[in-house]
PDB file of all heavy atoms in Angstrom:
ATOM      1  N   GLU A   1       0.836  -1.208   0.000  1.00  0.00           N
ATOM      2  CA  GLU A   1       0.000   0.000   0.000  1.00  0.00           C
ATOM      3  C   GLU A   1       0.866   1.252   0.000  1.00  0.00           C
ATOM      4  O   GLU A   1       0.646   2.181  -0.792  1.00  0.00           O
ATOM      5  CB  GLU A   1      -0.905   0.009   1.236  1.00  0.00           C
ATOM      6  CG  GLU A   1      -1.729   1.280   1.375  1.00  0.00           C
ATOM      7  CD  GLU A   1      -2.272   1.500   2.770  1.00  0.00           C
ATOM      8  OE1 GLU A   1      -2.679   0.519   3.419  1.00  0.00           O
ATOM      9  OE2 GLU A   1      -2.265   2.665   3.220  1.00  0.00           O
ATOM     10  N   ILE A   2       1.873   1.280   0.863  1.00  0.00           N
ATOM     11  CA  ILE A   2       2.749   2.443   0.963  1.00  0.00           C
ATOM     12  C   ILE A   2       3.489   2.673  -0.347  1.00  0.00           C
ATOM     13  O   ILE A   2       3.582   3.801  -0.854  1.00  0.00           O
ATOM     14  CB  ILE A   2       3.740   2.254   2.125  1.00  0.00           C
ATOM     15  CG1 ILE A   2       2.984   2.235   3.456  1.00  0.00           C
ATOM     16  CG2 ILE A   2       4.781   3.368   2.132  1.00  0.00           C
ATOM     17  CD1 ILE A   2       3.801   1.729   4.619  1.00  0.00           C
ATOM     18  N   MET A   3       4.018   1.594  -0.923  1.00  0.00           N
ATOM     19  CA  MET A   3       4.732   1.696  -2.193  1.00  0.00           C
ATOM     20  C   MET A   3       3.817   2.180  -3.306  1.00  0.00           C
ATOM     21  O   MET A   3       4.218   2.970  -4.167  1.00  0.00           O
ATOM     22  CB  MET A   3       5.319   0.329  -2.551  1.00  0.00           C
ATOM     23  CG  MET A   3       6.450  -0.124  -1.656  1.00  0.00           C
ATOM     24  SD  MET A   3       6.969  -1.811  -2.015  1.00  0.00           S
ATOM     25  CE  MET A   3       7.685  -1.622  -3.636  1.00  0.00           C
ATOM     26  N   SER A   4       2.577   1.732  -3.287  1.00  0.00           N
ATOM     27  CA  SER A   4       1.630   2.102  -4.342  1.00  0.00           C
ATOM     28  C   SER A   4       1.317   3.589  -4.315  1.00  0.00           C
ATOM     29  O   SER A   4       1.322   4.259  -5.361  1.00  0.00           O
ATOM     30  CB  SER A   4       0.344   1.281  -4.197  1.00  0.00           C
ATOM     31  OG  SER A   4       0.595  -0.096  -4.355  1.00  0.00           O
ATOM     32  N   TYR A   5       1.046   4.120  -3.141  1.00  0.00           N
ATOM     33  CA  TYR A   5       0.743   5.547  -3.054  1.00  0.00           C
ATOM     34  C   TYR A   5       1.958   6.389  -3.420  1.00  0.00           C
ATOM     35  O   TYR A   5       1.833   7.443  -4.053  1.00  0.00           O
ATOM     36  CB  TYR A   5       0.247   5.903  -1.650  1.00  0.00           C
ATOM     37  CG  TYR A   5      -1.188   5.503  -1.402  1.00  0.00           C
ATOM     38  CD1 TYR A   5      -1.533   4.718  -0.308  1.00  0.00           C
ATOM     39  CD2 TYR A   5      -2.194   5.917  -2.265  1.00  0.00           C
ATOM     40  CE1 TYR A   5      -2.851   4.342  -0.083  1.00  0.00           C
ATOM     41  CE2 TYR A   5      -3.520   5.556  -2.044  1.00  0.00           C
ATOM     42  CZ  TYR A   5      -3.839   4.766  -0.953  1.00  0.00           C
ATOM     43  OH  TYR A   5      -5.148   4.404  -0.740  1.00  0.00           O
ATOM     44  N   ARG A   6       3.115   5.920  -3.030  1.00  0.00           N
ATOM     45  CA  ARG A   6       4.333   6.648  -3.389  1.00  0.00           C
ATOM     46  C   ARG A   6       4.510   6.686  -4.905  1.00  0.00           C
ATOM     47  O   ARG A   6       4.840   7.727  -5.479  1.00  0.00           O
ATOM     48  CB  ARG A   6       5.550   5.992  -2.745  1.00  0.00           C
ATOM     49  CG  ARG A   6       6.878   6.502  -3.332  1.00  0.00           C
ATOM     50  CD  ARG A   6       7.971   6.574  -2.325  1.00  0.00           C
ATOM     51  NE  ARG A   6       9.247   6.810  -2.965  1.00  0.00           N
ATOM     52  CZ  ARG A   6       9.679   7.995  -3.363  1.00  0.00           C
ATOM     53  NH1 ARG A   6       8.912   9.051  -3.239  1.00  0.00           N
ATOM     54  NH2 ARG A   6      10.868   8.131  -3.920  1.00  0.00           N
ATOM     55  N   ARG A   7       4.278   5.555  -5.543  1.00  0.00           N
ATOM     56  CA  ARG A   7       4.437   5.490  -6.998  1.00  0.00           C
ATOM     57  C   ARG A   7       3.432   6.396  -7.707  1.00  0.00           C
ATOM     58  O   ARG A   7       3.746   7.039  -8.707  1.00  0.00           O
ATOM     59  CB  ARG A   7       4.266   4.043  -7.461  1.00  0.00           C
ATOM     60  CG  ARG A   7       4.662   3.795  -8.914  1.00  0.00           C
ATOM     61  CD  ARG A   7       4.522   2.326  -9.246  1.00  0.00           C
ATOM     62  NE  ARG A   7       4.910   2.021 -10.610  1.00  0.00           N
ATOM     63  CZ  ARG A   7       6.098   1.560 -10.970  1.00  0.00           C
ATOM     64  NH1 ARG A   7       7.027   1.361 -10.043  1.00  0.00           N
ATOM     65  NH2 ARG A   7       6.374   1.282 -12.227  1.00  0.00           N
ATOM     66  N   ILE A   8       2.220   6.469  -7.168  1.00  0.00           N
ATOM     67  CA  ILE A   8       1.185   7.309  -7.772  1.00  0.00           C
ATOM     68  C   ILE A   8       1.588   8.786  -7.756  1.00  0.00           C
ATOM     69  O   ILE A   8       1.317   9.528  -8.693  1.00  0.00           O
ATOM     70  CB  ILE A   8      -0.160   7.100  -7.037  1.00  0.00           C
ATOM     71  CG1 ILE A   8      -0.772   5.755  -7.442  1.00  0.00           C
ATOM     72  CG2 ILE A   8      -1.132   8.238  -7.325  1.00  0.00           C
ATOM     73  CD1 ILE A   8      -1.976   5.362  -6.629  1.00  0.00           C
ATOM     74  N   LEU A   9       2.263   9.203  -6.684  1.00  0.00           N
ATOM     75  CA  LEU A   9       2.614  10.617  -6.538  1.00  0.00           C
ATOM     76  C   LEU A   9       4.010  10.947  -7.052  1.00  0.00           C
ATOM     77  O   LEU A   9       4.439  12.101  -6.976  1.00  0.00           O
ATOM     78  CB  LEU A   9       2.520  11.022  -5.056  1.00  0.00           C
ATOM     79  CG  LEU A   9       1.115  11.098  -4.471  1.00  0.00           C
ATOM     80  CD1 LEU A   9       1.191  11.406  -2.986  1.00  0.00           C
ATOM     81  CD2 LEU A   9       0.278  12.150  -5.195  1.00  0.00           C
ATOM     82  N   ARG A  10       4.735   9.959  -7.578  1.00  0.00           N
ATOM     83  CA  ARG A  10       6.114  10.202  -7.972  1.00  0.00           C
ATOM     84  C   ARG A  10       6.196  11.194  -9.132  1.00  0.00           C
ATOM     85  O   ARG A  10       5.248  11.362  -9.904  1.00  0.00           O
ATOM     86  CB  ARG A  10       6.785   8.889  -8.381  1.00  0.00           C
ATOM     87  CG  ARG A  10       6.294   8.318  -9.692  1.00  0.00           C
ATOM     88  CD  ARG A  10       7.001   7.019 -10.020  1.00  0.00           C
ATOM     89  NE  ARG A  10       6.554   6.500 -11.317  1.00  0.00           N
ATOM     90  CZ  ARG A  10       7.064   5.420 -11.882  1.00  0.00           C
ATOM     91  NH1 ARG A  10       8.015   4.740 -11.272  1.00  0.00           N
ATOM     92  NH2 ARG A  10       6.627   5.015 -13.057  1.00  0.00           N
ATOM     93  N   GLY A  11       7.342  11.838  -9.258  1.00  0.00           N
ATOM     94  CA  GLY A  11       7.549  12.777 -10.343  1.00  0.00           C
ATOM     95  C   GLY A  11       8.804  13.592 -10.136  1.00  0.00           C
ATOM     96  O   GLY A  11       9.439  13.541  -9.077  1.00  0.00           O
ATOM     97  N   GLU A  12       9.164  14.343 -11.137  1.00  0.00           N
ATOM     98  CA  GLU A  12      10.387  15.134 -11.114  1.00  0.00           C
ATOM     99  C   GLU A  12      10.196  16.406 -10.299  1.00  0.00           C
ATOM    100  O   GLU A  12       9.105  17.001 -10.299  1.00  0.00           O
ATOM    101  CB  GLU A  12      10.769  15.482 -12.550  1.00  0.00           C
ATOM    102  CG  GLU A  12      12.115  16.142 -12.691  1.00  0.00           C
ATOM    103  CD  GLU A  12      12.470  16.360 -14.146  1.00  0.00           C
ATOM    104  OE1 GLU A  12      11.740  15.860 -15.022  1.00  0.00           O
ATOM    105  OE2 GLU A  12      13.478  17.048 -14.395  1.00  0.00           O
ATOM    106  N   PRO A  13      11.222  16.861  -9.574  1.00  0.00           N
ATOM    107  CA  PRO A  13      11.116  18.123  -8.821  1.00  0.00           C
ATOM    108  C   PRO A  13      10.686  19.279  -9.722  1.00  0.00           C
ATOM    109  O   PRO A  13      11.147  19.409 -10.857  1.00  0.00           O
ATOM    110  CB  PRO A  13      12.548  18.338  -8.305  1.00  0.00           C
ATOM    111  CG  PRO A  13      13.143  16.978  -8.253  1.00  0.00           C
ATOM    112  CD  PRO A  13      12.541  16.223  -9.399  1.00  0.00           C
ATOM    113  N   GLY A  14       9.767  20.078  -9.211  1.00  0.00           N
ATOM    114  CA  GLY A  14       9.275  21.227  -9.966  1.00  0.00           C
ATOM    115  C   GLY A  14       8.047  20.940 -10.803  1.00  0.00           C
ATOM    116  O   GLY A  14       7.394  21.874 -11.265  1.00  0.00           O
ATOM    117  N   THR A  15       7.723  19.661 -11.012  1.00  0.00           N
ATOM    118  CA  THR A  15       6.522  19.329 -11.783  1.00  0.00           C
ATOM    119  C   THR A  15       5.294  19.404 -10.881  1.00  0.00           C
ATOM    120  O   THR A  15       5.391  19.408  -9.661  1.00  0.00           O
ATOM    121  CB  THR A  15       6.632  17.931 -12.406  1.00  0.00           C
ATOM    122  OG1 THR A  15       6.817  16.954 -11.357  1.00  0.00           O
ATOM    123  CG2 THR A  15       7.802  17.858 -13.365  1.00  0.00           C
ATOM    124  N   LYS A  16       4.119  19.425 -11.516  1.00  0.00           N
ATOM    125  CA  LYS A  16       2.872  19.608 -10.773  1.00  0.00           C
ATOM    126  C   LYS A  16       2.011  18.347 -10.807  1.00  0.00           C
ATOM    127  O   LYS A  16       2.093  17.561 -11.748  1.00  0.00           O
ATOM    128  CB  LYS A  16       2.081  20.775 -11.351  1.00  0.00           C
ATOM    129  CG  LYS A  16       2.799  22.113 -11.262  1.00  0.00           C
ATOM    130  CD  LYS A  16       1.985  23.216 -11.906  1.00  0.00           C
ATOM    131  CE  LYS A  16       2.719  24.554 -11.819  1.00  0.00           C
ATOM    132  NZ  LYS A  16       1.930  25.659 -12.455  1.00  0.00           N
ATOM    133  N   VAL A  17       1.204  18.184  -9.787  1.00  0.00           N
ATOM    134  CA  VAL A  17       0.231  17.107  -9.747  1.00  0.00           C
ATOM    135  C   VAL A  17      -1.097  17.690  -9.263  1.00  0.00           C
ATOM    136  O   VAL A  17      -1.149  18.420  -8.274  1.00  0.00           O
ATOM    137  CB  VAL A  17       0.701  15.950  -8.829  1.00  0.00           C
ATOM    138  CG1 VAL A  17       1.008  16.424  -7.417  1.00  0.00           C
ATOM    139  CG2 VAL A  17      -0.335  14.832  -8.807  1.00  0.00           C
ATOM    140  N   SER A  18      -2.175  17.381  -9.993  1.00  0.00           N
ATOM    141  CA  SER A  18      -3.502  17.872  -9.636  1.00  0.00           C
ATOM    142  C   SER A  18      -4.247  16.803  -8.853  1.00  0.00           C
ATOM    143  O   SER A  18      -4.273  15.636  -9.250  1.00  0.00           O
ATOM    144  CB  SER A  18      -4.298  18.233 -10.897  1.00  0.00           C
ATOM    145  OG  SER A  18      -3.663  19.272 -11.604  1.00  0.00           O
ATOM    146  N   ILE A  19      -4.847  17.203  -7.757  1.00  0.00           N
ATOM    147  CA  ILE A  19      -5.519  16.247  -6.879  1.00  0.00           C
ATOM    148  C   ILE A  19      -6.933  16.716  -6.586  1.00  0.00           C
ATOM    149  O   ILE A  19      -7.153  17.863  -6.181  1.00  0.00           O
ATOM    150  CB  ILE A  19      -4.742  16.067  -5.559  1.00  0.00           C
ATOM    151  CG1 ILE A  19      -3.303  15.608  -5.867  1.00  0.00           C
ATOM    152  CG2 ILE A  19      -5.444  15.073  -4.643  1.00  0.00           C
ATOM    153  CD1 ILE A  19      -2.452  15.404  -4.652  1.00  0.00           C
ATOM    154  N   GLY A  20      -7.896  15.817  -6.806  1.00  0.00           N
ATOM    155  CA  GLY A  20      -9.287  16.096  -6.472  1.00  0.00           C
ATOM    156  C   GLY A  20      -9.588  15.590  -5.077  1.00  0.00           C
ATOM    157  O   GLY A  20      -9.379  14.419  -4.781  1.00  0.00           O
ATOM    158  N   LEU A  21     -10.086  16.484  -4.216  1.00  0.00           N
ATOM    159  CA  LEU A  21     -10.312  16.161  -2.805  1.00  0.00           C
ATOM    160  C   LEU A  21     -11.755  16.443  -2.406  1.00  0.00           C
ATOM    161  O   LEU A  21     -12.466  17.198  -3.063  1.00  0.00           O
ATOM    162  CB  LEU A  21      -9.375  16.997  -1.924  1.00  0.00           C
ATOM    163  CG  LEU A  21      -7.877  16.835  -2.133  1.00  0.00           C
ATOM    164  CD1 LEU A  21      -7.115  17.978  -1.467  1.00  0.00           C
ATOM    165  CD2 LEU A  21      -7.406  15.495  -1.593  1.00  0.00           C
ATOM    166  N   THR A  22     -12.152  15.825  -1.301  1.00  0.00           N
ATOM    167  CA  THR A  22     -13.434  16.132  -0.669  1.00  0.00           C
ATOM    168  C   THR A  22     -13.173  16.399   0.800  1.00  0.00           C
ATOM    169  O   THR A  22     -12.546  15.579   1.485  1.00  0.00           O
ATOM    170  CB  THR A  22     -14.430  14.964  -0.803  1.00  0.00           C
ATOM    171  OG1 THR A  22     -14.631  14.677  -2.193  1.00  0.00           O
ATOM    172  CG2 THR A  22     -15.760  15.308  -0.154  1.00  0.00           C
ATOM    173  N   ASP A  23     -13.618  17.558   1.298  1.00  0.00           N
ATOM    174  CA  ASP A  23     -13.339  17.902   2.698  1.00  0.00           C
ATOM    175  C   ASP A  23     -14.372  17.288   3.632  1.00  0.00           C
ATOM    176  O   ASP A  23     -15.307  16.588   3.199  1.00  0.00           O
ATOM    177  CB  ASP A  23     -13.236  19.413   2.887  1.00  0.00           C
ATOM    178  CG  ASP A  23     -14.555  20.154   2.679  1.00  0.00           C
ATOM    179  OD1 ASP A  23     -15.629  19.507   2.669  1.00  0.00           O
ATOM    180  OD2 ASP A  23     -14.521  21.389   2.538  1.00  0.00           O
ATOM    181  N   LYS A  24     -14.235  17.531   4.913  1.00  0.00           N
ATOM    182  CA  LYS A  24     -15.085  16.890   5.917  1.00  0.00           C
ATOM    183  C   LYS A  24     -16.546  17.337   5.837  1.00  0.00           C
ATOM    184  O   LYS A  24     -17.428  16.677   6.395  1.00  0.00           O
ATOM    185  CB  LYS A  24     -14.536  17.149   7.322  1.00  0.00           C
ATOM    186  CG  LYS A  24     -14.510  18.589   7.752  1.00  0.00           C
ATOM    187  CD  LYS A  24     -13.935  18.695   9.159  1.00  0.00           C
ATOM    188  CE  LYS A  24     -13.872  20.125   9.648  1.00  0.00           C
ATOM    189  NZ  LYS A  24     -13.302  20.216  11.026  1.00  0.00           N
ATOM    190  N   ASN A  25     -16.779  18.446   5.156  1.00  0.00           N
ATOM    191  CA  ASN A  25     -18.157  18.922   4.972  1.00  0.00           C
ATOM    192  C   ASN A  25     -18.782  18.419   3.672  1.00  0.00           C
ATOM    193  O   ASN A  25     -19.891  18.804   3.322  1.00  0.00           O
ATOM    194  CB  ASN A  25     -18.182  20.448   5.004  1.00  0.00           C
ATOM    195  CG  ASN A  25     -17.707  21.011   6.331  1.00  0.00           C
ATOM    196  OD1 ASN A  25     -18.099  20.529   7.395  1.00  0.00           O
ATOM    197  ND2 ASN A  25     -16.847  22.020   6.273  1.00  0.00           N
ATOM    198  N   GLY A  26     -18.042  17.569   2.950  1.00  0.00           N
ATOM    199  CA  GLY A  26     -18.553  17.024   1.697  1.00  0.00           C
ATOM    200  C   GLY A  26     -18.325  17.913   0.498  1.00  0.00           C
ATOM    201  O   GLY A  26     -18.825  17.624  -0.600  1.00  0.00           O
ATOM    202  N   LYS A  27     -17.557  18.978   0.659  1.00  0.00           N
ATOM    203  CA  LYS A  27     -17.294  19.909  -0.430  1.00  0.00           C
ATOM    204  C   LYS A  27     -16.097  19.420  -1.256  1.00  0.00           C
ATOM    205  O   LYS A  27     -15.055  19.087  -0.704  1.00  0.00           O
ATOM    206  CB  LYS A  27     -17.010  21.309   0.105  1.00  0.00           C
ATOM    207  CG  LYS A  27     -16.714  22.335  -0.971  1.00  0.00           C
ATOM    208  CD  LYS A  27     -16.391  23.697  -0.355  1.00  0.00           C
ATOM    209  CE  LYS A  27     -16.027  24.701  -1.439  1.00  0.00           C
ATOM    210  NZ  LYS A  27     -15.682  26.031  -0.845  1.00  0.00           N
ATOM    211  N   ASP A  28     -16.258  19.375  -2.584  1.00  0.00           N
ATOM    212  CA  ASP A  28     -15.172  18.970  -3.472  1.00  0.00           C
ATOM    213  C   ASP A  28     -14.275  20.164  -3.796  1.00  0.00           C
ATOM    214  O   ASP A  28     -14.757  21.298  -3.944  1.00  0.00           O
ATOM    215  CB  ASP A  28     -15.720  18.399  -4.778  1.00  0.00           C
ATOM    216  CG  ASP A  28     -16.409  17.056  -4.579  1.00  0.00           C
ATOM    217  OD1 ASP A  28     -16.223  16.445  -3.505  1.00  0.00           O
ATOM    218  OD2 ASP A  28     -17.144  16.622  -5.483  1.00  0.00           O
ATOM    219  N   LEU A  29     -12.979  19.923  -3.903  1.00  0.00           N
ATOM    220  CA  LEU A  29     -12.040  20.959  -4.314  1.00  0.00           C
ATOM    221  C   LEU A  29     -10.910  20.344  -5.112  1.00  0.00           C
ATOM    222  O   LEU A  29     -10.637  19.137  -5.002  1.00  0.00           O
ATOM    223  CB  LEU A  29     -11.490  21.726  -3.119  1.00  0.00           C
ATOM    224  CG  LEU A  29     -10.564  20.978  -2.131  1.00  0.00           C
ATOM    225  CD1 LEU A  29      -9.639  21.976  -1.462  1.00  0.00           C
ATOM    226  CD2 LEU A  29     -11.393  20.248  -1.074  1.00  0.00           C
TER     227      LEU A  29
END
């Protein structure tokens, strides 16, 4: 599990990753 999440977020320094989140109130951002 730990290795999988790390691989998902891997990338070169300075590059960007977009993440879709839902907060505790159910609001998406």
